[in-house]
Amino acid sequence: MLNFIFFLMHGIQPFLIPICFVIAWTIIILVILNLWTATKDTVKTAQKMHKIPCHNCQFFTNNYRLKCTVNPCIANTEEAIGCKDYQSN
């Protein structure tokens, strides 16, 4: 049994370096792709959130209990992007 393991280890040894090389670079590429995707999604979300016009509306109270006197349910959400009651200060 011990001779078989010894023989197997010496038989696999020439292939271990290329296999480890490929696995290491695959992991590095996957990490970079995940970071890129997360960054891209964060930028997309931030751009969408910056389109919310509530902070410039005259009905916005800046009070955490009642954010908007006209549409309190949609204030500071994505639904407020096309608010028909928006009036600039």
N, C-alpha and C. Protein backbone atom coordinates (compact mmCIF):
# COMPACT_ATOMS: atom_id res chain seq x y z
N MET A 1 0.82 -1.19 0.00
CA MET A 1 0.00 0.00 0.00
C MET A 1 0.86 1.25 0.00
N LEU A 2 1.90 1.26 0.81
CA LEU A 2 2.78 2.41 0.89
C LEU A 2 3.56 2.59 -0.41
N ASN A 3 3.93 1.49 -1.04
CA ASN A 3 4.63 1.58 -2.32
C ASN A 3 3.73 2.15 -3.40
N PHE A 4 2.45 1.83 -3.35
CA PHE A 4 1.51 2.35 -4.34
C PHE A 4 1.37 3.86 -4.21
N ILE A 5 1.26 4.35 -2.98
CA ILE A 5 1.15 5.80 -2.75
C ILE A 5 2.43 6.49 -3.18
N PHE A 6 3.58 5.90 -2.89
CA PHE A 6 4.86 6.47 -3.30
C PHE A 6 4.95 6.52 -4.83
N PHE A 7 4.54 5.46 -5.49
CA PHE A 7 4.55 5.40 -6.96
C PHE A 7 3.58 6.43 -7.55
N LEU A 8 2.41 6.57 -6.94
CA LEU A 8 1.41 7.52 -7.40
C LEU A 8 1.91 8.96 -7.26
N MET A 9 2.54 9.27 -6.15
CA MET A 9 3.06 10.63 -5.93
C MET A 9 4.14 10.98 -6.94
N HIS A 10 5.02 10.05 -7.24
CA HIS A 10 6.07 10.32 -8.23
C HIS A 10 5.51 10.37 -9.64
N GLY A 11 4.43 9.68 -9.90
CA GLY A 11 3.81 9.71 -11.22
C GLY A 11 3.07 11.02 -11.47
N ILE A 12 2.48 11.58 -10.43
CA ILE A 12 1.70 12.82 -10.56
C ILE A 12 2.58 14.06 -10.47
N GLN A 13 3.73 13.96 -9.88
CA GLN A 13 4.58 15.11 -9.58
C GLN A 13 4.87 16.01 -10.79
N PRO A 14 5.14 15.51 -11.99
CA PRO A 14 5.38 16.42 -13.12
C PRO A 14 4.15 17.24 -13.51
N PHE A 15 2.98 16.77 -13.17
CA PHE A 15 1.75 17.49 -13.55
C PHE A 15 1.25 18.43 -12.47
N LEU A 16 1.79 18.35 -11.27
CA LEU A 16 1.30 19.17 -10.16
C LEU A 16 1.56 20.66 -10.37
N ILE A 17 2.72 21.00 -10.87
CA ILE A 17 3.06 22.42 -11.05
C ILE A 17 2.14 23.07 -12.09
N PRO A 18 1.94 22.48 -13.28
CA PRO A 18 1.01 23.12 -14.22
C PRO A 18 -0.43 23.16 -13.71
N ILE A 19 -0.87 22.11 -13.02
CA ILE A 19 -2.23 22.10 -12.49
C ILE A 19 -2.40 23.19 -11.44
N CYS A 20 -1.46 23.33 -10.53
CA CYS A 20 -1.52 24.38 -9.51
C CYS A 20 -1.44 25.76 -10.13
N PHE A 21 -0.63 25.91 -11.18
CA PHE A 21 -0.51 27.19 -11.88
C PHE A 21 -1.86 27.59 -12.48
N VAL A 22 -2.51 26.66 -13.16
CA VAL A 22 -3.80 26.95 -13.78
C VAL A 22 -4.86 27.23 -12.72
N ILE A 23 -4.88 26.47 -11.65
CA ILE A 23 -5.86 26.70 -10.59
C ILE A 23 -5.65 28.06 -9.93
N ALA A 24 -4.40 28.42 -9.67
CA ALA A 24 -4.11 29.71 -9.03
C ALA A 24 -4.56 30.87 -9.91
N TRP A 25 -4.24 30.82 -11.21
CA TRP A 25 -4.63 31.91 -12.10
C TRP A 25 -6.14 31.94 -12.31
N THR A 26 -6.79 30.80 -12.29
CA THR A 26 -8.25 30.77 -12.40
C THR A 26 -8.88 31.45 -11.20
N ILE A 27 -8.37 31.19 -10.02
CA ILE A 27 -8.90 31.83 -8.81
C ILE A 27 -8.67 33.34 -8.86
N ILE A 28 -7.50 33.76 -9.29
CA ILE A 28 -7.20 35.20 -9.38
C ILE A 28 -8.13 35.88 -10.38
N ILE A 29 -8.35 35.26 -11.53
CA ILE A 29 -9.23 35.84 -12.54
C ILE A 29 -10.67 35.91 -12.03
N LEU A 30 -11.13 34.88 -11.34
CA LEU A 30 -12.49 34.90 -10.79
C LEU A 30 -12.67 35.99 -9.74
N VAL A 31 -11.66 36.19 -8.91
CA VAL A 31 -11.74 37.26 -7.90
C VAL A 31 -11.80 38.63 -8.58
N ILE A 32 -10.98 38.83 -9.60
CA ILE A 32 -10.98 40.11 -10.32
C ILE A 32 -12.32 40.34 -11.01
N LEU A 33 -12.87 39.31 -11.63
CA LEU A 33 -14.17 39.45 -12.29
C LEU A 33 -15.28 39.75 -11.28
N ASN A 34 -15.24 39.12 -10.13
CA ASN A 34 -16.24 39.41 -9.09
C ASN A 34 -16.13 40.84 -8.58
N LEU A 35 -14.90 41.32 -8.39
CA LEU A 35 -14.72 42.71 -7.96
C LEU A 35 -15.21 43.68 -9.03
N TRP A 36 -14.93 43.38 -10.29
CA TRP A 36 -15.37 44.24 -11.39
C TRP A 36 -16.90 44.29 -11.45
N THR A 37 -17.54 43.14 -11.32
CA THR A 37 -19.00 43.08 -11.37
C THR A 37 -19.62 43.83 -10.18
N ALA A 38 -19.06 43.66 -9.01
CA ALA A 38 -19.57 44.36 -7.83
C ALA A 38 -19.42 45.87 -7.97
N THR A 39 -18.29 46.31 -8.51
CA THR A 39 -18.06 47.74 -8.71
C THR A 39 -19.03 48.30 -9.73
N LYS A 40 -19.24 47.57 -10.81
CA LYS A 40 -20.16 48.01 -11.86
C LYS A 40 -21.59 48.11 -11.34
N ASP A 41 -22.02 47.14 -10.55
CA ASP A 41 -23.37 47.18 -9.98
C ASP A 41 -23.52 48.32 -8.97
N THR A 42 -22.48 48.59 -8.21
CA THR A 42 -22.52 49.68 -7.23
C THR A 42 -22.63 51.03 -7.93
N VAL A 43 -21.89 51.21 -9.01
CA VAL A 43 -21.95 52.47 -9.76
C VAL A 43 -23.33 52.64 -10.38
N LYS A 44 -23.90 51.56 -10.91
CA LYS A 44 -25.23 51.63 -11.52
C LYS A 44 -26.28 52.01 -10.49
N THR A 45 -26.19 51.42 -9.30
CA THR A 45 -27.14 51.73 -8.23
C THR A 45 -26.97 53.17 -7.76
N ALA A 46 -25.73 53.63 -7.65
CA ALA A 46 -25.49 55.00 -7.21
C ALA A 46 -26.02 56.01 -8.23
N GLN A 47 -25.85 55.72 -9.51
CA GLN A 47 -26.37 56.62 -10.53
C GLN A 47 -27.90 56.69 -10.48
N LYS A 48 -28.53 55.55 -10.23
CA LYS A 48 -29.99 55.54 -10.13
C LYS A 48 -30.45 56.31 -8.90
N MET A 49 -29.75 56.16 -7.79
CA MET A 49 -30.15 56.85 -6.56
C MET A 49 -29.93 58.36 -6.66
N HIS A 50 -28.98 58.80 -7.47
CA HIS A 50 -28.75 60.23 -7.63
C HIS A 50 -29.81 60.89 -8.51
N LYS A 51 -30.65 60.11 -9.16
CA LYS A 51 -31.73 60.67 -9.97
C LYS A 51 -32.97 60.98 -9.15
N ILE A 52 -32.99 60.58 -7.88
CA ILE A 52 -34.15 60.84 -7.03
C ILE A 52 -34.17 62.34 -6.69
N PRO A 53 -35.23 63.05 -7.06
CA PRO A 53 -35.24 64.51 -6.93
C PRO A 53 -35.77 65.03 -5.60
N CYS A 54 -36.04 64.19 -4.64
CA CYS A 54 -36.75 64.61 -3.41
C CYS A 54 -36.05 65.73 -2.64
N HIS A 55 -34.75 65.70 -2.57
CA HIS A 55 -34.07 66.70 -1.73
C HIS A 55 -34.18 68.12 -2.29
N ASN A 56 -34.57 68.28 -3.56
CA ASN A 56 -34.75 69.61 -4.14
C ASN A 56 -36.22 70.02 -4.24
N CYS A 57 -37.12 69.19 -3.74
CA CYS A 57 -38.56 69.46 -3.85
C CYS A 57 -39.01 70.36 -2.70
N GLN A 58 -39.99 71.21 -2.98
CA GLN A 58 -40.48 72.11 -1.93
C GLN A 58 -41.32 71.36 -0.89
N PHE A 59 -41.83 70.19 -1.22
CA PHE A 59 -42.63 69.41 -0.28
C PHE A 59 -41.77 68.50 0.61
N PHE A 60 -40.48 68.44 0.36
CA PHE A 60 -39.58 67.60 1.15
C PHE A 60 -39.29 68.29 2.47
N THR A 61 -39.55 67.60 3.59
CA THR A 61 -39.43 68.23 4.91
C THR A 61 -38.10 67.94 5.60
N ASN A 62 -37.35 66.96 5.13
CA ASN A 62 -36.08 66.55 5.74
C ASN A 62 -36.29 66.07 7.18
N ASN A 63 -37.46 65.56 7.47
CA ASN A 63 -37.81 65.01 8.77
C ASN A 63 -37.95 63.51 8.60
N TYR A 64 -37.32 62.71 9.46
CA TYR A 64 -37.35 61.27 9.27
C TYR A 64 -38.74 60.67 9.50
N ARG A 65 -39.63 61.39 10.19
CA ARG A 65 -40.99 60.88 10.40
C ARG A 65 -41.88 61.13 9.19
N LEU A 66 -41.78 62.30 8.60
CA LEU A 66 -42.58 62.65 7.43
C LEU A 66 -41.65 63.31 6.42
N LYS A 67 -41.17 62.54 5.48
CA LYS A 67 -40.20 63.06 4.53
C LYS A 67 -40.84 63.96 3.49
N CYS A 68 -42.05 63.61 3.07
CA CYS A 68 -42.73 64.38 2.04
C CYS A 68 -44.18 64.57 2.47
N THR A 69 -44.69 65.77 2.31
CA THR A 69 -46.06 66.04 2.74
C THR A 69 -47.08 65.59 1.70
N VAL A 70 -46.68 65.42 0.45
CA VAL A 70 -47.62 65.03 -0.60
C VAL A 70 -47.62 63.51 -0.81
N ASN A 71 -46.44 62.92 -0.98
CA ASN A 71 -46.31 61.48 -1.21
C ASN A 71 -45.33 60.88 -0.20
N PRO A 72 -45.73 60.68 1.03
CA PRO A 72 -44.77 60.18 2.03
C PRO A 72 -44.34 58.73 1.80
N CYS A 73 -45.15 57.94 1.10
CA CYS A 73 -44.80 56.52 0.91
C CYS A 73 -43.68 56.33 -0.11
N ILE A 74 -43.57 57.24 -1.06
CA ILE A 74 -42.55 57.05 -2.10
C ILE A 74 -41.38 58.01 -1.96
N ALA A 75 -41.37 58.82 -0.92
CA ALA A 75 -40.28 59.79 -0.74
C ALA A 75 -38.95 59.08 -0.56
N ASN A 76 -37.95 59.55 -1.25
CA ASN A 76 -36.57 59.03 -1.21
C ASN A 76 -36.48 57.58 -1.67
N THR A 77 -37.35 57.14 -2.55
CA THR A 77 -37.27 55.81 -3.13
C THR A 77 -37.15 55.95 -4.64
N GLU A 78 -36.94 54.83 -5.32
CA GLU A 78 -36.83 54.86 -6.78
C GLU A 78 -38.15 55.23 -7.43
N GLU A 79 -39.26 55.02 -6.75
CA GLU A 79 -40.56 55.39 -7.29
C GLU A 79 -40.71 56.91 -7.41
N ALA A 80 -39.92 57.66 -6.67
CA ALA A 80 -40.02 59.12 -6.68
C ALA A 80 -39.30 59.75 -7.87
N ILE A 81 -38.64 58.95 -8.69
CA ILE A 81 -37.90 59.52 -9.83
C ILE A 81 -38.85 60.21 -10.80
N GLY A 82 -40.01 59.66 -11.05
CA GLY A 82 -40.96 60.30 -11.96
C GLY A 82 -42.14 60.92 -11.23
N CYS A 83 -41.92 61.48 -10.08
CA CYS A 83 -43.00 62.03 -9.25
C CYS A 83 -43.69 63.19 -9.98
N LYS A 84 -45.02 63.10 -10.13
CA LYS A 84 -45.76 64.14 -10.84
C LYS A 84 -46.00 65.37 -9.97
N ASP A 85 -45.81 65.25 -8.66
CA ASP A 85 -46.01 66.38 -7.76
C ASP A 85 -44.73 67.13 -7.44
N TYR A 86 -43.65 66.79 -8.10
CA TYR A 86 -42.35 67.43 -7.83
C TYR A 86 -42.40 68.90 -8.23
N GLN A 87 -41.97 69.76 -7.31
CA GLN A 87 -41.84 71.18 -7.59
C GLN A 87 -40.52 71.64 -6.98
N SER A 88 -39.71 72.23 -7.80
CA SER A 88 -38.39 72.66 -7.36
C SER A 88 -38.49 73.80 -6.36
N ASN A 89 -37.50 73.89 -5.49
CA ASN A 89 -37.46 74.98 -4.49
C ASN A 89 -37.31 76.30 -5.15
